């Protein structure tokens, strides 16, 4: 059997089994390609060059066994391979953190090209906070995108920070990224010119309906209360005192725009365009937060 035939067959198995995607791939073929190539020790970009390569039976069996594990356990592929990619940057991942997939990464990586985020920054943007850092992916991408900044990466979870340490060291950014244990903003330093945050924001009803793959992730990093805004309320209240005068906060809220707008009526914000549309990531200035009338 050729490599491409094996991948196609395993993709059909994944589709028939009804597994859920969204942790690095969006369809059965891409998921199968990831798992098969990883099982065979091949890089993810090897498919085109090796598509017609004949595979011995033992290699086929090894790849099929990994796909079987994916189907039977419903664990995200990233937990099986211990690797995830965000904006073409590789990260170590395991069950101690959610699989990185933040749309904020697009804004950081493409900032200079699109001007979407860069328009809000300046030459004085030097200090960055990645709040709820998880495995540290946004902190790493921010440091790579902006060589002149230093980044604090904060999380309440010691397990998450241990994974973040692996990724900071992996990309040799330990001199520019400082890991902090902090319950939201309670123990951060600052003031910061830019705060990035992909917080837990999934509302209770949605949490109960999540596919098994998402339920395999730490609930602490997903659940945001009845309307998904519990932690976000605290973040927005606390943020101004940790921000410089011209600072901005970039916040991912996923599919919770309606809940966000209901919870923070008349808060002046800017919605940033991502590959998922203009309702996933919101930007708020310090000025808007400081002048907002809280109920």
Protein backbone atom coordinates (compact mmCIF):
# COMPACT_ATOMS: atom_id res chain seq x y z
CA UNK A 1 0.00 0.00 0.00
CA UNK A 2 1.27 3.48 -0.84
CA UNK A 3 1.48 6.31 1.69
CA UNK A 4 -1.35 8.25 0.02
CA UNK A 5 -3.56 5.15 -0.08
CA UNK A 6 -2.94 4.49 3.60
CA UNK A 7 -3.79 8.06 4.54
CA UNK A 8 -6.93 8.00 2.42
CA UNK A 9 -8.05 4.75 4.03
CA UNK A 10 -7.40 6.04 7.55
CA UNK A 11 -9.25 9.24 6.75
CA UNK A 12 -12.24 7.14 5.75
CA UNK A 13 -12.04 5.31 9.09
CA UNK A 14 -12.00 8.58 11.02
CA UNK A 15 -14.95 9.93 9.05
CA UNK A 16 -16.96 6.74 9.51
CA UNK A 17 -16.23 6.75 13.25
CA UNK A 18 -17.59 10.28 13.57
CA UNK A 19 -14.65 11.75 15.46
CA UNK A 20 -14.62 15.51 16.03
CA UNK A 21 -11.91 17.81 14.72
CA UNK A 22 -10.73 21.30 15.61
CA UNK A 23 -7.47 20.64 17.45
CA UNK A 24 -5.16 21.38 14.55
CA UNK A 25 -7.14 19.99 11.64
CA UNK A 26 -10.68 20.49 10.38
CA UNK A 27 -11.30 17.31 8.37
CA UNK A 28 -10.69 13.56 8.32
CA UNK A 29 -8.05 13.52 5.57
CA UNK A 30 -5.81 16.12 7.23
CA UNK A 31 -6.16 14.40 10.59
CA UNK A 32 -5.25 11.05 9.04
CA UNK A 33 -2.25 12.60 7.29
CA UNK A 34 -1.01 14.05 10.59
CA UNK A 35 -1.39 10.76 12.47
CA UNK A 36 0.03 8.53 9.73
CA UNK A 37 3.04 10.74 9.02
CA UNK A 38 3.78 11.06 12.74
CA UNK A 39 3.49 7.31 13.28
CA UNK A 40 5.96 6.72 10.44
CA UNK A 41 8.39 9.34 11.72
CA UNK A 42 7.92 11.54 8.67
CA UNK A 43 7.64 15.35 8.71
CA UNK A 44 4.23 16.85 8.03
CA UNK A 45 5.38 18.27 4.70
CA UNK A 46 6.57 14.90 3.39
CA UNK A 47 3.27 13.80 1.86
CA UNK A 48 3.71 15.32 -1.59
CA UNK A 49 7.20 13.91 -2.09
CA UNK A 50 6.46 10.46 -0.65
CA UNK A 51 2.80 9.99 -1.61
CA UNK A 52 3.49 7.02 -3.92
CA UNK A 53 6.04 5.35 -1.66
CA UNK A 54 5.17 1.72 -0.91
CA UNK A 55 4.98 0.93 2.79
CA UNK A 56 5.83 -2.40 4.43
CA UNK A 57 3.15 -4.16 6.45
CA UNK A 58 4.67 -3.31 9.82
CA UNK A 59 4.59 0.42 9.08
CA UNK A 60 1.00 0.19 7.91
CA UNK A 61 0.06 -1.60 11.12
CA UNK A 62 1.80 1.04 13.24
CA UNK A 63 -0.10 3.87 11.58
CA UNK A 64 -3.40 2.00 11.73
CA UNK A 65 -2.90 1.35 15.45
CA UNK A 66 -2.48 5.06 16.15
CA UNK A 67 -5.65 5.89 14.22
CA UNK A 68 -7.45 3.15 16.15
CA UNK A 69 -6.29 4.81 19.38
CA UNK A 70 -7.61 8.14 18.13
CA UNK A 71 -11.00 6.60 17.38
CA UNK A 72 -11.36 4.54 20.55
CA UNK A 73 -10.15 7.14 23.05
CA UNK A 74 -11.51 10.27 21.32
CA UNK A 75 -8.40 12.07 22.56
CA UNK A 76 -7.24 14.94 20.32
CA UNK A 77 -4.45 13.95 17.94
CA UNK A 78 -2.17 16.50 19.60
CA UNK A 79 -2.35 14.54 22.85
CA UNK A 80 -1.34 11.36 21.01
CA UNK A 81 1.59 12.98 19.19
CA UNK A 82 2.48 15.50 21.93
CA UNK A 83 2.87 18.12 19.25
CA UNK A 84 0.70 20.93 17.94
CA UNK A 85 1.37 23.67 15.40
CA UNK A 86 0.12 27.24 15.62
CA UNK A 87 1.00 29.63 12.79
CA UNK A 88 3.62 27.10 11.64
CA UNK A 89 5.32 27.19 15.02
CA UNK A 90 5.66 23.78 16.75
CA UNK A 91 4.65 23.34 20.39
CA UNK A 92 4.78 20.50 22.87
CA UNK A 93 1.38 19.69 24.34
CA UNK A 94 -0.18 17.12 26.65
CA UNK A 95 -3.32 16.73 28.76
CA UNK A 96 -2.15 19.33 31.28
CA UNK A 97 -3.20 22.13 28.89
CA UNK A 98 -5.71 22.68 26.13
CA UNK A 99 -4.47 22.22 22.58
CA UNK A 100 -3.35 25.66 21.28
CA UNK A 101 -5.67 27.10 18.64
CA UNK A 102 -6.11 30.79 19.46
CA UNK A 103 -7.02 33.17 16.64
CA UNK A 104 -4.90 35.79 18.42
CA UNK A 105 -1.89 33.93 17.01
CA UNK A 106 -2.96 35.00 13.51
CA UNK A 107 -3.00 38.64 14.54
CA UNK A 108 0.47 38.37 16.03
CA UNK A 109 2.02 36.45 13.15
CA UNK A 110 0.38 38.56 10.45
CA UNK A 111 0.40 41.88 12.29
CA UNK A 112 2.91 43.64 10.11
CA UNK A 113 1.42 42.21 6.93
CA UNK A 114 -2.21 43.10 7.61
CA UNK A 115 -1.82 46.04 9.96
CA UNK A 116 -4.81 44.75 11.97
CA UNK A 117 -2.99 44.62 15.28
CA UNK A 118 0.05 46.73 14.47
CA UNK A 119 -2.21 49.73 13.95
CA UNK A 120 -2.87 49.67 17.70
CA UNK A 121 0.77 49.28 18.71
CA UNK A 122 3.74 51.64 18.51
CA UNK A 123 7.49 51.90 18.97
CA UNK A 124 6.82 52.16 22.70
CA UNK A 125 5.25 48.67 22.85
CA UNK A 126 7.86 46.78 24.85
CA UNK A 127 6.13 44.96 27.68
CA UNK A 128 3.61 42.21 26.89
CA UNK A 129 1.47 40.00 29.12
CA UNK A 130 0.06 36.69 27.90
CA UNK A 131 -2.67 36.03 30.46
CA UNK A 132 -4.05 32.47 30.80
CA UNK A 133 -1.00 31.36 28.84
CA UNK A 134 -1.70 27.62 28.89
CA UNK A 135 1.16 25.93 27.05
CA UNK A 136 2.77 29.30 26.36
CA UNK A 137 2.06 29.39 22.63
CA UNK A 138 0.86 33.00 22.40
CA UNK A 139 3.78 34.19 24.52
CA UNK A 140 6.21 32.42 22.21
CA UNK A 141 4.56 33.69 19.02
CA UNK A 142 4.49 37.25 20.39
CA UNK A 143 8.19 37.08 21.24
CA UNK A 144 8.99 35.70 17.78
CA UNK A 145 6.84 38.30 16.01
CA UNK A 146 8.18 41.27 17.98
CA UNK A 147 11.90 40.79 18.74
CA UNK A 148 12.08 43.95 20.87
CA UNK A 149 9.45 42.97 23.44
CA UNK A 150 9.64 41.06 26.69
CA UNK A 151 6.74 38.84 27.68
CA UNK A 152 5.26 37.74 31.00
CA UNK A 153 3.25 34.52 30.59
CA UNK A 154 0.83 33.97 33.47
CA UNK A 155 -1.44 31.09 34.45
CA UNK A 156 -3.11 29.84 37.63
CA UNK A 157 -2.25 26.23 36.79
CA UNK A 158 1.13 24.85 37.83
CA UNK A 159 0.62 22.04 35.33
CA UNK A 160 0.09 24.51 32.50
CA UNK A 161 3.17 26.49 33.49
CA UNK A 162 5.24 23.29 33.45
CA UNK A 163 4.19 22.72 29.84
CA UNK A 164 4.80 26.38 29.02
CA UNK A 165 8.33 26.01 30.40
CA UNK A 166 8.97 23.20 27.92
CA UNK A 167 7.91 25.43 25.03
CA UNK A 168 9.78 28.53 26.18
CA UNK A 169 12.94 26.45 26.45
CA UNK A 170 12.20 24.68 23.16
CA UNK A 171 12.28 28.04 21.36
CA UNK A 172 15.18 29.37 23.46
CA UNK A 173 13.19 32.35 24.71
CA UNK A 174 13.87 32.01 28.43
CA UNK A 175 15.65 35.40 28.47
CA UNK A 176 12.61 37.20 27.05
CA UNK A 177 9.67 35.24 28.48
CA UNK A 178 9.03 35.07 32.23
CA UNK A 179 6.53 32.54 33.54
CA UNK A 180 4.32 33.69 36.42
CA UNK A 181 1.83 31.80 38.56
CA UNK A 182 -1.10 34.16 38.91
CA UNK A 183 -4.83 33.85 39.48
CA UNK A 184 -5.76 36.07 36.55
CA UNK A 185 -4.07 39.44 37.22
CA UNK A 186 -3.52 39.06 40.97
CA UNK A 187 0.23 38.36 40.85
CA UNK A 188 1.37 39.85 37.54
CA UNK A 189 3.88 42.67 37.29
CA UNK A 190 3.42 45.35 34.67
CA UNK A 191 2.37 47.84 33.70
CA UNK A 192 2.03 46.34 30.23
CA UNK A 193 1.78 47.92 26.80
CA UNK A 194 -0.11 44.94 25.41
CA UNK A 195 -2.15 42.25 27.16
CA UNK A 196 -3.09 39.12 25.25
CA UNK A 197 -5.67 36.78 26.71
CA UNK A 198 -7.42 33.63 25.54
CA UNK A 199 -9.37 32.93 28.75
CA UNK A 200 -11.91 30.24 29.64
CA UNK A 201 -15.07 31.52 27.96
CA UNK A 202 -17.28 28.54 27.08
CA UNK A 203 -20.75 28.98 28.59
CA UNK A 204 -22.30 26.24 30.72
CA UNK A 205 -24.77 25.04 28.11
CA UNK A 206 -22.03 24.76 25.48
CA UNK A 207 -19.71 22.98 27.93
CA UNK A 208 -22.31 20.27 28.40
CA UNK A 209 -22.60 19.78 24.63
CA UNK A 210 -18.87 19.61 23.85
CA UNK A 211 -17.66 16.57 21.87
CA UNK A 212 -15.51 14.05 23.72
CA UNK A 213 -12.32 15.50 22.20
CA UNK A 214 -12.93 18.83 23.91
CA UNK A 215 -14.00 17.18 27.14
CA UNK A 216 -10.56 15.53 27.20
CA UNK A 217 -9.06 18.98 27.77
CA UNK A 218 -8.81 20.61 31.24
CA UNK A 219 -12.21 22.10 32.09
CA UNK A 220 -10.37 24.79 34.07
CA UNK A 221 -9.11 26.22 30.76
CA UNK A 222 -12.49 26.15 29.02
CA UNK A 223 -15.42 26.81 31.36
CA UNK A 224 -16.49 30.43 31.73
CA UNK A 225 -19.69 30.10 33.79
CA UNK A 226 -23.34 30.47 32.84
CA UNK A 227 -22.75 33.03 30.10
CA UNK A 228 -19.04 32.39 29.59
CA UNK A 229 -18.15 35.82 30.96
CA UNK A 230 -17.31 35.06 34.61
CA UNK A 231 -13.53 35.37 34.32
CA UNK A 232 -13.74 38.02 31.61
CA UNK A 233 -15.64 40.33 33.99
CA UNK A 234 -12.77 40.08 36.47
CA UNK A 235 -10.12 40.55 33.79
CA UNK A 236 -11.72 43.70 32.37
CA UNK A 237 -12.20 45.21 35.83
CA UNK A 238 -8.62 44.53 36.92
CA UNK A 239 -6.81 45.24 33.66
CA UNK A 240 -6.52 49.07 33.68
CA UNK A 241 -4.25 49.21 36.72
CA UNK A 242 -1.85 46.83 34.97
CA UNK A 243 -1.76 48.75 31.67
CA UNK A 244 0.26 51.72 30.47
CA UNK A 245 -1.62 54.80 29.28
CA UNK A 246 -1.78 53.77 25.61
CA UNK A 247 -2.01 50.03 26.23
CA UNK A 248 -4.54 47.69 24.63
CA UNK A 249 -6.00 44.36 25.69
CA UNK A 250 -6.65 41.72 23.00
CA UNK A 251 -9.20 39.18 24.16
CA UNK A 252 -10.47 36.03 22.48
CA UNK A 253 -14.10 35.16 23.20
CA UNK A 254 -14.80 32.48 20.59
CA UNK A 255 -18.48 32.14 19.77
CA UNK A 256 -19.63 34.21 22.74
CA UNK A 257 -20.01 37.64 21.10
CA UNK A 258 -23.70 37.88 21.98
CA UNK A 259 -22.97 37.14 25.63
CA UNK A 260 -20.03 39.57 25.61
CA UNK A 261 -22.09 42.42 24.21
CA UNK A 262 -24.90 41.74 26.66
CA UNK A 263 -22.52 41.65 29.63
CA UNK A 264 -20.56 44.77 28.64
CA UNK A 265 -23.11 47.09 27.09
CA UNK A 266 -21.74 50.43 25.91
CA UNK A 267 -18.12 49.31 26.38
CA UNK A 268 -16.20 50.77 23.45
CA UNK A 269 -14.32 47.97 21.68
CA UNK A 270 -12.87 47.08 18.29
CA UNK A 271 -13.53 43.68 16.71
CA UNK A 272 -10.47 42.30 14.93
CA UNK A 273 -10.70 40.34 11.69
CA UNK A 274 -9.43 36.74 11.77
CA UNK A 275 -9.84 33.71 9.52
CA UNK A 276 -13.00 32.90 11.52
CA UNK A 277 -14.54 36.33 10.95
CA UNK A 278 -14.77 39.52 12.99
CA UNK A 279 -16.59 38.18 16.05
CA UNK A 280 -13.95 36.02 17.74
CA UNK A 281 -11.37 38.51 19.02
CA UNK A 282 -12.00 41.88 20.60
CA UNK A 283 -9.61 44.73 21.38
CA UNK A 284 -10.15 47.18 24.24
CA UNK A 285 -8.03 50.21 25.10
CA UNK A 286 -7.04 51.12 28.63
CA UNK A 287 -8.91 54.38 28.21
CA UNK A 288 -12.15 52.58 27.38
CA UNK A 289 -11.78 50.21 30.32
CA UNK A 290 -10.90 52.96 32.79
CA UNK A 291 -13.90 55.09 31.80
CA UNK A 292 -16.40 52.22 31.68
CA UNK A 293 -19.23 52.42 34.20
CA UNK A 294 -19.48 49.08 35.91
CA UNK A 295 -22.83 47.99 37.29
